[in-house]
Amino acid sequence: MKKSILAAVFTLPVLLSGCVVSVGGDDDYGYHRDWQDREQDNRRYIADLNLDVTLASTKRKMGTPDFTESYQQGDDQITVLFYRTHRHDGDGMTTKDECTPLVFKNERLIGWGDTAYAQI
């Protein structure tokens, strides 16, 4: 009985450490693949956008934006959602210059990209 318990005590950590090593990894199916897939999905959705789509339907489709800006301009509510679409630095941090802005006026899409963002 003591030998089987002793064997389990020494064998179990070895088996579990093997699991930890195999779960991580730096291959294309880990963390790096996740952000690449997210960027590609965001680019694909933005390429198929149509003007006048609602803010709510965009958030449902694309999820939580990386950044959001919102302000009142006269009688209009302006909201800008920023979704990551490309990478500049491999620092693991998403910045606005790595995102495409989607510009909404009164919860309706009026444009996207740097030109639309610069005009508001």
PDB file of N, CA and C in Angstrom:
ATOM      1  N   MET A   1       0.820  -1.187   0.000  1.00  0.00           N
ATOM      2  CA  MET A   1       0.000   0.000   0.000  1.00  0.00           C
ATOM      3  C   MET A   1       0.872   1.261   0.000  1.00  0.00           C
ATOM      4  N   LYS A   2       1.922   1.267   0.842  1.00  0.00           N
ATOM      5  CA  LYS A   2       2.807   2.413   0.894  1.00  0.00           C
ATOM      6  C   LYS A   2       3.522   2.614  -0.431  1.00  0.00           C
ATOM      7  N   LYS A   3       3.887   1.520  -1.098  1.00  0.00           N
ATOM      8  CA  LYS A   3       4.590   1.639  -2.377  1.00  0.00           C
ATOM      9  C   LYS A   3       3.686   2.254  -3.443  1.00  0.00           C
ATOM     10  N   SER A   4       2.417   1.889  -3.471  1.00  0.00           N
ATOM     11  CA  SER A   4       1.505   2.445  -4.484  1.00  0.00           C
ATOM     12  C   SER A   4       1.235   3.930  -4.223  1.00  0.00           C
ATOM     13  N   ILE A   5       1.124   4.326  -2.970  1.00  0.00           N
ATOM     14  CA  ILE A   5       0.936   5.742  -2.649  1.00  0.00           C
ATOM     15  C   ILE A   5       2.188   6.522  -3.004  1.00  0.00           C
ATOM     16  N   LEU A   6       3.336   5.978  -2.672  1.00  0.00           N
ATOM     17  CA  LEU A   6       4.601   6.623  -2.978  1.00  0.00           C
ATOM     18  C   LEU A   6       4.780   6.756  -4.492  1.00  0.00           C
ATOM     19  N   ALA A   7       4.420   5.732  -5.238  1.00  0.00           N
ATOM     20  CA  ALA A   7       4.517   5.771  -6.700  1.00  0.00           C
ATOM     21  C   ALA A   7       3.577   6.840  -7.262  1.00  0.00           C
ATOM     22  N   ALA A   8       2.379   6.951  -6.724  1.00  0.00           N
ATOM     23  CA  ALA A   8       1.422   7.955  -7.183  1.00  0.00           C
ATOM     24  C   ALA A   8       1.932   9.362  -6.898  1.00  0.00           C
ATOM     25  N   VAL A   9       2.532   9.565  -5.726  1.00  0.00           N
ATOM     26  CA  VAL A   9       3.047  10.877  -5.344  1.00  0.00           C
ATOM     27  C   VAL A   9       4.139  11.328  -6.308  1.00  0.00           C
ATOM     28  N   PHE A  10       4.991  10.425  -6.744  1.00  0.00           N
ATOM     29  CA  PHE A  10       6.074  10.782  -7.654  1.00  0.00           C
ATOM     30  C   PHE A  10       5.633  10.807  -9.117  1.00  0.00           C
ATOM     31  N   THR A  11       4.662  10.028  -9.493  1.00  0.00           N
ATOM     32  CA  THR A  11       4.211   9.952 -10.883  1.00  0.00           C
ATOM     33  C   THR A  11       3.255  11.088 -11.236  1.00  0.00           C
ATOM     34  N   LEU A  12       2.365  11.430 -10.349  1.00  0.00           N
ATOM     35  CA  LEU A  12       1.350  12.442 -10.624  1.00  0.00           C
ATOM     36  C   LEU A  12       1.937  13.791 -11.050  1.00  0.00           C
ATOM     37  N   PRO A  13       2.925  14.359 -10.347  1.00  0.00           N
ATOM     38  CA  PRO A  13       3.485  15.651 -10.792  1.00  0.00           C
ATOM     39  C   PRO A  13       4.102  15.582 -12.185  1.00  0.00           C
ATOM     40  N   VAL A  14       4.723  14.470 -12.516  1.00  0.00           N
ATOM     41  CA  VAL A  14       5.324  14.323 -13.842  1.00  0.00           C
ATOM     42  C   VAL A  14       4.245  14.326 -14.913  1.00  0.00           C
ATOM     43  N   LEU A  15       3.168  13.603 -14.693  1.00  0.00           N
ATOM     44  CA  LEU A  15       2.077  13.561 -15.654  1.00  0.00           C
ATOM     45  C   LEU A  15       1.411  14.922 -15.814  1.00  0.00           C
ATOM     46  N   LEU A  16       1.164  15.607 -14.703  1.00  0.00           N
ATOM     47  CA  LEU A  16       0.516  16.910 -14.764  1.00  0.00           C
ATOM     48  C   LEU A  16       1.400  17.965 -15.409  1.00  0.00           C
ATOM     49  N   SER A  17       2.686  17.925 -15.170  1.00  0.00           N
ATOM     50  CA  SER A  17       3.565  18.911 -15.788  1.00  0.00           C
ATOM     51  C   SER A  17       3.595  18.739 -17.297  1.00  0.00           C
ATOM     52  N   GLY A  18       3.455  17.524 -17.776  1.00  0.00           N
ATOM     53  CA  GLY A  18       3.386  17.289 -19.220  1.00  0.00           C
ATOM     54  C   GLY A  18       2.152  17.926 -19.828  1.00  0.00           C
ATOM     55  N   CYS A  19       1.049  17.939 -19.094  1.00  0.00           N
ATOM     56  CA  CYS A  19      -0.185  18.552 -19.574  1.00  0.00           C
ATOM     57  C   CYS A  19      -0.032  20.060 -19.688  1.00  0.00           C
ATOM     58  N   VAL A  20       0.610  20.666 -18.731  1.00  0.00           N
ATOM     59  CA  VAL A  20       0.781  22.105 -18.743  1.00  0.00           C
ATOM     60  C   VAL A  20       1.617  22.527 -19.943  1.00  0.00           C
ATOM     61  N   VAL A  21       2.674  21.809 -20.229  1.00  0.00           N
ATOM     62  CA  VAL A  21       3.542  22.137 -21.355  1.00  0.00           C
ATOM     63  C   VAL A  21       2.781  22.003 -22.670  1.00  0.00           C
ATOM     64  N   SER A  22       1.969  20.985 -22.808  1.00  0.00           N
ATOM     65  CA  SER A  22       1.279  20.769 -24.075  1.00  0.00           C
ATOM     66  C   SER A  22       0.126  21.741 -24.285  1.00  0.00           C
ATOM     67  N   VAL A  23      -0.419  22.332 -23.215  1.00  0.00           N
ATOM     68  CA  VAL A  23      -1.522  23.266 -23.349  1.00  0.00           C
ATOM     69  C   VAL A  23      -1.025  24.613 -23.852  1.00  0.00           C
ATOM     70  N   GLY A  24       0.132  25.054 -23.406  1.00  0.00           N
ATOM     71  CA  GLY A  24       0.655  26.370 -23.775  1.00  0.00           C
ATOM     72  C   GLY A  24       1.158  26.384 -25.194  1.00  0.00           C
ATOM     73  N   GLY A  25       2.405  26.640 -25.361  1.00  0.00           N
ATOM     74  CA  GLY A  25       3.016  26.583 -26.685  1.00  0.00           C
ATOM     75  C   GLY A  25       3.002  27.915 -27.403  1.00  0.00           C
ATOM     76  N   ASP A  26       3.891  28.044 -28.379  1.00  0.00           N
ATOM     77  CA  ASP A  26       3.987  29.254 -29.194  1.00  0.00           C
ATOM     78  C   ASP A  26       3.615  28.979 -30.641  1.00  0.00           C
ATOM     79  N   ASP A  27       2.774  28.002 -30.860  1.00  0.00           N
ATOM     80  CA  ASP A  27       2.398  27.675 -32.233  1.00  0.00           C
ATOM     81  C   ASP A  27       1.322  28.615 -32.741  1.00  0.00           C
ATOM     82  N   ASP A  28       0.882  28.432 -33.976  1.00  0.00           N
ATOM     83  CA  ASP A  28      -0.116  29.293 -34.579  1.00  0.00           C
ATOM     84  C   ASP A  28      -1.526  29.037 -34.069  1.00  0.00           C
ATOM     85  N   TYR A  29      -1.695  28.110 -33.167  1.00  0.00           N
ATOM     86  CA  TYR A  29      -3.034  27.807 -32.679  1.00  0.00           C
ATOM     87  C   TYR A  29      -3.252  28.315 -31.271  1.00  0.00           C
ATOM     88  N   GLY A  30      -2.332  29.056 -30.736  1.00  0.00           N
ATOM     89  CA  GLY A  30      -2.452  29.605 -29.392  1.00  0.00           C
ATOM     90  C   GLY A  30      -2.869  31.057 -29.454  1.00  0.00           C
ATOM     91  N   TYR A  31      -2.292  31.857 -28.573  1.00  0.00           N
ATOM     92  CA  TYR A  31      -2.631  33.269 -28.439  1.00  0.00           C
ATOM     93  C   TYR A  31      -2.480  34.032 -29.747  1.00  0.00           C
ATOM     94  N   HIS A  32      -1.383  33.816 -30.463  1.00  0.00           N
ATOM     95  CA  HIS A  32      -1.111  34.568 -31.678  1.00  0.00           C
ATOM     96  C   HIS A  32      -2.202  34.346 -32.717  1.00  0.00           C
ATOM     97  N   ARG A  33      -2.698  33.153 -32.809  1.00  0.00           N
ATOM     98  CA  ARG A  33      -3.741  32.850 -33.780  1.00  0.00           C
ATOM     99  C   ARG A  33      -5.052  33.547 -33.403  1.00  0.00           C
ATOM    100  N   ASP A  34      -5.305  33.720 -32.111  1.00  0.00           N
ATOM    101  CA  ASP A  34      -6.536  34.363 -31.666  1.00  0.00           C
ATOM    102  C   ASP A  34      -6.638  35.798 -32.174  1.00  0.00           C
ATOM    103  N   TRP A  35      -5.589  36.608 -32.002  1.00  0.00           N
ATOM    104  CA  TRP A  35      -5.682  37.997 -32.445  1.00  0.00           C
ATOM    105  C   TRP A  35      -5.688  38.091 -33.964  1.00  0.00           C
ATOM    106  N   GLN A  36      -5.027  37.195 -34.653  1.00  0.00           N
ATOM    107  CA  GLN A  36      -5.066  37.208 -36.113  1.00  0.00           C
ATOM    108  C   GLN A  36      -6.469  36.882 -36.616  1.00  0.00           C
ATOM    109  N   ASP A  37      -7.112  35.914 -35.998  1.00  0.00           N
ATOM    110  CA  ASP A  37      -8.483  35.568 -36.366  1.00  0.00           C
ATOM    111  C   ASP A  37      -9.425  36.732 -36.082  1.00  0.00           C
ATOM    112  N   ARG A  38      -9.253  37.377 -34.933  1.00  0.00           N
ATOM    113  CA  ARG A  38     -10.105  38.504 -34.583  1.00  0.00           C
ATOM    114  C   ARG A  38      -9.953  39.647 -35.575  1.00  0.00           C
ATOM    115  N   GLU A  39      -8.716  39.968 -35.940  1.00  0.00           N
ATOM    116  CA  GLU A  39      -8.486  41.032 -36.918  1.00  0.00           C
ATOM    117  C   GLU A  39      -9.122  40.680 -38.261  1.00  0.00           C
ATOM    118  N   GLN A  40      -8.939  39.454 -38.695  1.00  0.00           N
ATOM    119  CA  GLN A  40      -9.497  39.028 -39.977  1.00  0.00           C
ATOM    120  C   GLN A  40     -11.023  39.076 -39.953  1.00  0.00           C
ATOM    121  N   ASP A  41     -11.624  38.593 -38.866  1.00  0.00           N
ATOM    122  CA  ASP A  41     -13.079  38.650 -38.743  1.00  0.00           C
ATOM    123  C   ASP A  41     -13.575  40.095 -38.757  1.00  0.00           C
ATOM    124  N   ASN A  42     -12.896  40.983 -38.057  1.00  0.00           N
ATOM    125  CA  ASN A  42     -13.283  42.401 -38.045  1.00  0.00           C
ATOM    126  C   ASN A  42     -13.167  43.018 -39.432  1.00  0.00           C
ATOM    127  N   ARG A  43     -12.076  42.733 -40.142  1.00  0.00           N
ATOM    128  CA  ARG A  43     -11.917  43.259 -41.506  1.00  0.00           C
ATOM    129  C   ARG A  43     -13.014  42.735 -42.428  1.00  0.00           C
ATOM    130  N   ARG A  44     -13.333  41.469 -42.284  1.00  0.00           N
ATOM    131  CA  ARG A  44     -14.369  40.852 -43.123  1.00  0.00           C
ATOM    132  C   ARG A  44     -15.734  41.511 -42.869  1.00  0.00           C
ATOM    133  N   TYR A  45     -16.069  41.721 -41.606  1.00  0.00           N
ATOM    134  CA  TYR A  45     -17.344  42.346 -41.293  1.00  0.00           C
ATOM    135  C   TYR A  45     -17.387  43.795 -41.797  1.00  0.00           C
ATOM    136  N   ILE A  46     -16.320  44.543 -41.555  1.00  0.00           N
ATOM    137  CA  ILE A  46     -16.282  45.941 -41.974  1.00  0.00           C
ATOM    138  C   ILE A  46     -16.359  46.055 -43.495  1.00  0.00           C
ATOM    139  N   ALA A  47     -15.742  45.155 -44.218  1.00  0.00           N
ATOM    140  CA  ALA A  47     -15.791  45.188 -45.682  1.00  0.00           C
ATOM    141  C   ALA A  47     -17.212  45.001 -46.209  1.00  0.00           C
ATOM    142  N   ASP A  48     -18.062  44.351 -45.440  1.00  0.00           N
ATOM    143  CA  ASP A  48     -19.446  44.107 -45.865  1.00  0.00           C
ATOM    144  C   ASP A  48     -20.438  45.094 -45.260  1.00  0.00           C
ATOM    145  N   LEU A  49     -19.961  46.119 -44.576  1.00  0.00           N
ATOM    146  CA  LEU A  49     -20.854  47.082 -43.948  1.00  0.00           C
ATOM    147  C   LEU A  49     -21.629  47.901 -44.974  1.00  0.00           C
ATOM    148  N   ASN A  50     -22.798  48.340 -44.560  1.00  0.00           N
ATOM    149  CA  ASN A  50     -23.604  49.273 -45.338  1.00  0.00           C
ATOM    150  C   ASN A  50     -23.909  50.470 -44.449  1.00  0.00           C
ATOM    151  N   LEU A  51     -23.964  51.630 -45.047  1.00  0.00           N
ATOM    152  CA  LEU A  51     -24.334  52.817 -44.292  1.00  0.00           C
ATOM    153  C   LEU A  51     -25.732  52.632 -43.714  1.00  0.00           C
ATOM    154  N   ASP A  52     -25.997  53.264 -42.608  1.00  0.00           N
ATOM    155  CA  ASP A  52     -27.276  53.281 -41.921  1.00  0.00           C
ATOM    156  C   ASP A  52     -27.550  52.038 -41.071  1.00  0.00           C
ATOM    157  N   VAL A  53     -26.596  51.109 -40.968  1.00  0.00           N
ATOM    158  CA  VAL A  53     -26.766  49.971 -40.063  1.00  0.00           C
ATOM    159  C   VAL A  53     -26.788  50.513 -38.635  1.00  0.00           C
ATOM    160  N   THR A  54     -27.479  49.859 -37.738  1.00  0.00           N
ATOM    161  CA  THR A  54     -27.612  50.384 -36.378  1.00  0.00           C
ATOM    162  C   THR A  54     -26.393  50.063 -35.514  1.00  0.00           C
ATOM    163  N   LEU A  55     -26.227  50.893 -34.513  1.00  0.00           N
ATOM    164  CA  LEU A  55     -25.162  50.702 -33.530  1.00  0.00           C
ATOM    165  C   LEU A  55     -25.349  49.375 -32.798  1.00  0.00           C
ATOM    166  N   ALA A  56     -26.582  49.080 -32.401  1.00  0.00           N
ATOM    167  CA  ALA A  56     -26.863  47.845 -31.647  1.00  0.00           C
ATOM    168  C   ALA A  56     -26.557  46.602 -32.473  1.00  0.00           C
ATOM    169  N   SER A  57     -26.947  46.592 -33.753  1.00  0.00           N
ATOM    170  CA  SER A  57     -26.689  45.399 -34.569  1.00  0.00           C
ATOM    171  C   SER A  57     -25.194  45.218 -34.828  1.00  0.00           C
ATOM    172  N   THR A  58     -24.471  46.314 -34.932  1.00  0.00           N
ATOM    173  CA  THR A  58     -23.020  46.229 -35.124  1.00  0.00           C
ATOM    174  C   THR A  58     -22.356  45.640 -33.885  1.00  0.00           C
ATOM    175  N   LYS A  59     -22.742  46.093 -32.716  1.00  0.00           N
ATOM    176  CA  LYS A  59     -22.174  45.553 -31.479  1.00  0.00           C
ATOM    177  C   LYS A  59     -22.533  44.080 -31.301  1.00  0.00           C
ATOM    178  N   ARG A  60     -23.759  43.700 -31.675  1.00  0.00           N
ATOM    179  CA  ARG A  60     -24.140  42.287 -31.592  1.00  0.00           C
ATOM    180  C   ARG A  60     -23.273  41.437 -32.505  1.00  0.00           C
ATOM    181  N   LYS A  61     -23.023  41.920 -33.689  1.00  0.00           N
ATOM    182  CA  LYS A  61     -22.248  41.159 -34.678  1.00  0.00           C
ATOM    183  C   LYS A  61     -20.762  41.134 -34.347  1.00  0.00           C
ATOM    184  N   MET A  62     -20.210  42.287 -33.964  1.00  0.00           N
ATOM    185  CA  MET A  62     -18.760  42.406 -33.791  1.00  0.00           C
ATOM    186  C   MET A  62     -18.301  42.273 -32.344  1.00  0.00           C
ATOM    187  N   GLY A  63     -19.210  42.366 -31.404  1.00  0.00           N
ATOM    188  CA  GLY A  63     -18.825  42.272 -30.003  1.00  0.00           C
ATOM    189  C   GLY A  63     -18.367  43.603 -29.450  1.00  0.00           C
ATOM    190  N   THR A  64     -17.735  43.538 -28.311  1.00  0.00           N
ATOM    191  CA  THR A  64     -17.273  44.737 -27.619  1.00  0.00           C
ATOM    192  C   THR A  64     -16.124  45.372 -28.392  1.00  0.00           C
ATOM    193  N   PRO A  65     -16.230  46.673 -28.672  1.00  0.00           N
ATOM    194  CA  PRO A  65     -15.125  47.347 -29.382  1.00  0.00           C
ATOM    195  C   PRO A  65     -13.898  47.484 -28.488  1.00  0.00           C
ATOM    196  N   ASP A  66     -12.751  47.684 -29.125  1.00  0.00           N
ATOM    197  CA  ASP A  66     -11.513  47.886 -28.369  1.00  0.00           C
ATOM    198  C   ASP A  66     -11.502  49.246 -27.692  1.00  0.00           C
ATOM    199  N   PHE A  67     -12.078  50.245 -28.348  1.00  0.00           N
ATOM    200  CA  PHE A  67     -12.194  51.593 -27.796  1.00  0.00           C
ATOM    201  C   PHE A  67     -13.538  52.162 -28.229  1.00  0.00           C
ATOM    202  N   THR A  68     -14.051  53.090 -27.438  1.00  0.00           N
ATOM    203  CA  THR A  68     -15.306  53.766 -27.765  1.00  0.00           C
ATOM    204  C   THR A  68     -15.183  55.234 -27.423  1.00  0.00           C
ATOM    205  N   GLU A  69     -15.730  56.079 -28.289  1.00  0.00           N
ATOM    206  CA  GLU A  69     -15.850  57.508 -28.010  1.00  0.00           C
ATOM    207  C   GLU A  69     -17.300  57.880 -28.255  1.00  0.00           C
ATOM    208  N   SER A  70     -17.816  58.788 -27.464  1.00  0.00           N
ATOM    209  CA  SER A  70     -19.185  59.242 -27.656  1.00  0.00           C
ATOM    210  C   SER A  70     -19.305  60.667 -27.152  1.00  0.00           C
ATOM    211  N   TYR A  71     -20.007  61.501 -27.911  1.00  0.00           N
ATOM    212  CA  TYR A  71     -20.201  62.883 -27.495  1.00  0.00           C
ATOM    213  C   TYR A  71     -21.414  63.472 -28.204  1.00  0.00           C
ATOM    214  N   GLN A  72     -21.880  64.592 -27.677  1.00  0.00           N
ATOM    215  CA  GLN A  72     -23.012  65.309 -28.245  1.00  0.00           C
ATOM    216  C   GLN A  72     -22.481  66.384 -29.183  1.00  0.00           C
ATOM    217  N   GLN A  73     -23.058  66.477 -30.402  1.00  0.00           N
ATOM    218  CA  GLN A  73     -22.665  67.492 -31.374  1.00  0.00           C
ATOM    219  C   GLN A  73     -23.956  68.179 -31.825  1.00  0.00           C
ATOM    220  N   GLY A  74     -24.276  69.303 -31.209  1.00  0.00           N
ATOM    221  CA  GLY A  74     -25.571  69.950 -31.465  1.00  0.00           C
ATOM    222  C   GLY A  74     -26.676  69.037 -30.947  1.00  0.00           C
ATOM    223  N   ASP A  75     -27.610  68.705 -31.820  1.00  0.00           N
ATOM    224  CA  ASP A  75     -28.707  67.796 -31.452  1.00  0.00           C
ATOM    225  C   ASP A  75     -28.360  66.331 -31.714  1.00  0.00           C
ATOM    226  N   ASP A  76     -27.184  66.055 -32.229  1.00  0.00           N
ATOM    227  CA  ASP A  76     -26.816  64.700 -32.631  1.00  0.00           C
ATOM    228  C   ASP A  76     -25.888  64.025 -31.625  1.00  0.00           C
ATOM    229  N   GLN A  77     -26.115  62.761 -31.434  1.00  0.00           N
ATOM    230  CA  GLN A  77     -25.234  61.930 -30.606  1.00  0.00           C
ATOM    231  C   GLN A  77     -24.245  61.241 -31.541  1.00  0.00           C
ATOM    232  N   ILE A  78     -22.963  61.473 -31.363  1.00  0.00           N
ATOM    233  CA  ILE A  78     -21.916  60.854 -32.179  1.00  0.00           C
ATOM    234  C   ILE A  78     -21.247  59.760 -31.339  1.00  0.00           C
ATOM    235  N   THR A  79     -21.153  58.573 -31.904  1.00  0.00           N
ATOM    236  CA  THR A  79     -20.486  57.447 -31.242  1.00  0.00           C
ATOM    237  C   THR A  79     -19.502  56.849 -32.226  1.00  0.00           C
ATOM    238  N   VAL A  80     -18.299  56.583 -31.753  1.00  0.00           N
ATOM    239  CA  VAL A  80     -17.276  55.961 -32.587  1.00  0.00           C
ATOM    240  C   VAL A  80     -16.820  54.686 -31.897  1.00  0.00           C
ATOM    241  N   LEU A  81     -16.927  53.581 -32.621  1.00  0.00           N
ATOM    242  CA  LEU A  81     -16.439  52.290 -32.138  1.00  0.00           C
ATOM    243  C   LEU A  81     -15.147  51.974 -32.870  1.00  0.00           C
ATOM    244  N   PHE A  82     -14.141  51.547 -32.155  1.00  0.00           N
ATOM    245  CA  PHE A  82     -12.850  51.193 -32.754  1.00  0.00           C
ATOM    246  C   PHE A  82     -12.646  49.686 -32.619  1.00  0.00           C
ATOM    247  N   TYR A  83     -12.488  49.020 -33.750  1.00  0.00           N
ATOM    248  CA  TYR A  83     -12.229  47.578 -33.761  1.00  0.00           C
ATOM    249  C   TYR A  83     -10.853  47.311 -34.357  1.00  0.00           C
ATOM    250  N   ARG A  84     -10.104  46.472 -33.700  1.00  0.00           N
ATOM    251  CA  ARG A  84      -8.753  46.135 -34.164  1.00  0.00           C
ATOM    252  C   ARG A  84      -8.827  45.394 -35.494  1.00  0.00           C
ATOM    253  N   THR A  85      -8.068  45.907 -36.476  1.00  0.00           N
ATOM    254  CA  THR A  85      -8.058  45.302 -37.812  1.00  0.00           C
ATOM    255  C   THR A  85      -6.658  45.042 -38.347  1.00  0.00           C
ATOM    256  N   HIS A  86      -5.644  45.571 -37.703  1.00  0.00           N
ATOM    257  CA  HIS A  86      -4.265  45.368 -38.157  1.00  0.00           C
ATOM    258  C   HIS A  86      -3.322  45.604 -36.980  1.00  0.00           C
ATOM    259  N   ARG A  87      -2.083  45.216 -37.156  1.00  0.00           N
ATOM    260  CA  ARG A  87      -1.101  45.297 -36.077  1.00  0.00           C
ATOM    261  C   ARG A  87       0.088  46.145 -36.507  1.00  0.00           C
ATOM    262  N   HIS A  88       0.513  47.045 -35.616  1.00  0.00           N
ATOM    263  CA  HIS A  88       1.716  47.848 -35.856  1.00  0.00           C
ATOM    264  C   HIS A  88       2.891  47.320 -35.048  1.00  0.00           C
ATOM    265  N   ASP A  89       2.680  47.156 -33.760  1.00  0.00           N
ATOM    266  CA  ASP A  89       3.746  46.721 -32.859  1.00  0.00           C
ATOM    267  C   ASP A  89       3.373  45.383 -32.243  1.00  0.00           C
ATOM    268  N   GLY A  90       4.347  44.542 -32.083  1.00  0.00           N
ATOM    269  CA  GLY A  90       4.122  43.247 -31.456  1.00  0.00           C
ATOM    270  C   GLY A  90       4.259  43.307 -29.951  1.00  0.00           C
ATOM    271  N   ASP A  91       3.692  44.357 -29.333  1.00  0.00           N
ATOM    272  CA  ASP A  91       3.858  44.538 -27.894  1.00  0.00           C
ATOM    273  C   ASP A  91       2.722  43.931 -27.074  1.00  0.00           C
ATOM    274  N   GLY A  92       1.731  43.335 -27.737  1.00  0.00           N
ATOM    275  CA  GLY A  92       0.620  42.718 -27.017  1.00  0.00           C
ATOM    276  C   GLY A  92      -0.459  43.697 -26.592  1.00  0.00           C
ATOM    277  N   MET A  93      -0.291  44.971 -26.883  1.00  0.00           N
ATOM    278  CA  MET A  93      -1.270  45.993 -26.528  1.00  0.00           C
ATOM    279  C   MET A  93      -1.958  46.499 -27.795  1.00  0.00           C
ATOM    280  N   THR A  94      -3.279  46.652 -27.740  1.00  0.00           N
ATOM    281  CA  THR A  94      -4.025  47.217 -28.856  1.00  0.00           C
ATOM    282  C   THR A  94      -4.105  48.721 -28.670  1.00  0.00           C
ATOM    283  N   THR A  95      -3.767  49.460 -29.732  1.00  0.00           N
ATOM    284  CA  THR A  95      -3.847  50.912 -29.713  1.00  0.00           C
ATOM    285  C   THR A  95      -4.820  51.363 -30.796  1.00  0.00           C
ATOM    286  N   LYS A  96      -5.272  52.604 -30.705  1.00  0.00           N
ATOM    287  CA  LYS A  96      -6.256  53.099 -31.674  1.00  0.00           C
ATOM    288  C   LYS A  96      -5.734  53.075 -33.104  1.00  0.00           C
ATOM    289  N   ASP A  97      -4.434  53.273 -33.278  1.00  0.00           N
ATOM    290  CA  ASP A  97      -3.901  53.264 -34.645  1.00  0.00           C
ATOM    291  C   ASP A  97      -3.863  51.854 -35.244  1.00  0.00           C
ATOM    292  N   GLU A  98      -4.232  50.840 -34.479  1.00  0.00           N
ATOM    293  CA  GLU A  98      -4.347  49.477 -34.979  1.00  0.00           C
ATOM    294  C   GLU A  98      -5.813  49.101 -35.211  1.00  0.00           C
ATOM    295  N   CYS A  99      -6.681  50.095 -35.088  1.00  0.00           N
ATOM    296  CA  CYS A  99      -8.123  49.860 -35.188  1.00  0.00           C
ATOM    297  C   CYS A  99      -8.725  50.647 -36.348  1.00  0.00           C
ATOM    298  N   THR A 100      -9.883  50.197 -36.801  1.00  0.00           N
ATOM    299  CA  THR A 100     -10.680  50.920 -37.779  1.00  0.00           C
ATOM    300  C   THR A 100     -11.858  51.542 -37.038  1.00  0.00           C
ATOM    301  N   PRO A 101     -12.032  52.869 -37.172  1.00  0.00           N
ATOM    302  CA  PRO A 101     -13.153  53.517 -36.495  1.00  0.00           C
ATOM    303  C   PRO A 101     -14.453  53.372 -37.300  1.00  0.00           C
ATOM    304  N   LEU A 102     -15.546  53.092 -36.595  1.00  0.00           N
ATOM    305  CA  LEU A 102     -16.884  53.065 -37.179  1.00  0.00           C
ATOM    306  C   LEU A 102     -17.637  54.239 -36.559  1.00  0.00           C
ATOM    307  N   VAL A 103     -18.122  55.161 -37.392  1.00  0.00           N
ATOM    308  CA  VAL A 103     -18.720  56.401 -36.915  1.00  0.00           C
ATOM    309  C   VAL A 103     -20.247  56.323 -37.030  1.00  0.00           C
ATOM    310  N   PHE A 104     -20.922  56.547 -35.899  1.00  0.00           N
ATOM    311  CA  PHE A 104     -22.378  56.508 -35.836  1.00  0.00           C
ATOM    312  C   PHE A 104     -22.913  57.877 -35.436  1.00  0.00           C
ATOM    313  N   LYS A 105     -23.978  58.287 -36.099  1.00  0.00           N
ATOM    314  CA  LYS A 105     -24.675  59.526 -35.751  1.00  0.00           C
ATOM    315  C   LYS A 105     -26.098  59.125 -35.389  1.00  0.00           C
ATOM    316  N   ASN A 106     -26.498  59.408 -34.163  1.00  0.00           N
ATOM    317  CA  ASN A 106     -27.819  59.018 -33.668  1.00  0.00           C
ATOM    318  C   ASN A 106     -28.060  57.518 -33.867  1.00  0.00           C
ATOM    319  N   GLU A 107     -27.030  56.739 -33.557  1.00  0.00           N
ATOM    320  CA  GLU A 107     -27.049  55.266 -33.580  1.00  0.00           C
ATOM    321  C   GLU A 107     -27.194  54.657 -34.970  1.00  0.00           C
ATOM    322  N   ARG A 108     -26.860  55.417 -36.004  1.00  0.00           N
ATOM    323  CA  ARG A 108     -26.855  54.919 -37.381  1.00  0.00           C
ATOM    324  C   ARG A 108     -25.468  55.144 -37.979  1.00  0.00           C
ATOM    325  N   LEU A 109     -24.951  54.151 -38.664  1.00  0.00           N
ATOM    326  CA  LEU A 109     -23.607  54.240 -39.239  1.00  0.00           C
ATOM    327  C   LEU A 109     -23.583  55.272 -40.361  1.00  0.00           C
ATOM    328  N   ILE A 110     -22.656  56.237 -40.235  1.00  0.00           N
ATOM    329  CA  ILE A 110     -22.512  57.264 -41.270  1.00  0.00           C
ATOM    330  C   ILE A 110     -21.178  57.147 -42.008  1.00  0.00           C
ATOM    331  N   GLY A 111     -20.284  56.281 -41.536  1.00  0.00           N
ATOM    332  CA  GLY A 111     -19.012  56.084 -42.214  1.00  0.00           C
ATOM    333  C   GLY A 111     -18.044  55.287 -41.361  1.00  0.00           C
ATOM    334  N   TRP A 112     -16.953  54.879 -41.983  1.00  0.00           N
ATOM    335  CA  TRP A 112     -15.908  54.157 -41.255  1.00  0.00           C
ATOM    336  C   TRP A 112     -14.573  54.452 -41.890  1.00  0.00           C
ATOM    337  N   GLY A 113     -13.534  54.247 -41.112  1.00  0.00           N
ATOM    338  CA  GLY A 113     -12.174  54.517 -41.574  1.00  0.00           C
ATOM    339  C   GLY A 113     -11.689  55.878 -41.128  1.00  0.00           C
ATOM    340  N   ASP A 114     -10.434  56.152 -41.428  1.00  0.00           N
ATOM    341  CA  ASP A 114      -9.794  57.385 -40.974  1.00  0.00           C
ATOM    342  C   ASP A 114     -10.440  58.637 -41.555  1.00  0.00           C
ATOM    343  N   THR A 115     -10.888  58.592 -42.814  1.00  0.00           N
ATOM    344  CA  THR A 115     -11.517  59.767 -43.434  1.00  0.00           C
ATOM    345  C   THR A 115     -12.818  60.118 -42.733  1.00  0.00           C
ATOM    346  N   ALA A 116     -13.649  59.123 -42.447  1.00  0.00           N
ATOM    347  CA  ALA A 116     -14.911  59.370 -41.752  1.00  0.00           C
ATOM    348  C   ALA A 116     -14.644  59.899 -40.348  1.00  0.00           C
ATOM    349  N   TYR A 117     -13.662  59.328 -39.672  1.00  0.00           N
ATOM    350  CA  TYR A 117     -13.331  59.758 -38.310  1.00  0.00           C
ATOM    351  C   TYR A 117     -12.810  61.190 -38.299  1.00  0.00           C
ATOM    352  N   ALA A 118     -12.024  61.574 -39.289  1.00  0.00           N
ATOM    353  CA  ALA A 118     -11.449  62.916 -39.352  1.00  0.00           C
ATOM    354  C   ALA A 118     -12.522  63.974 -39.613  1.00  0.00           C
ATOM    355  N   GLN A 119     -13.633  63.586 -40.213  1.00  0.00           N
ATOM    356  CA  GLN A 119     -14.675  64.549 -40.566  1.00  0.00           C
ATOM    357  C   GLN A 119     -15.630  64.876 -39.426  1.00  0.00           C
ATOM    358  N   ILE A 120     -15.549  64.143 -38.341  1.00  0.00           N
ATOM    359  CA  ILE A 120     -16.494  64.461 -37.256  1.00  0.00           C
ATOM    360  C   ILE A 120     -15.940  65.480 -36.327  1.00  0.00           C
TER     361      ILE A 120
END
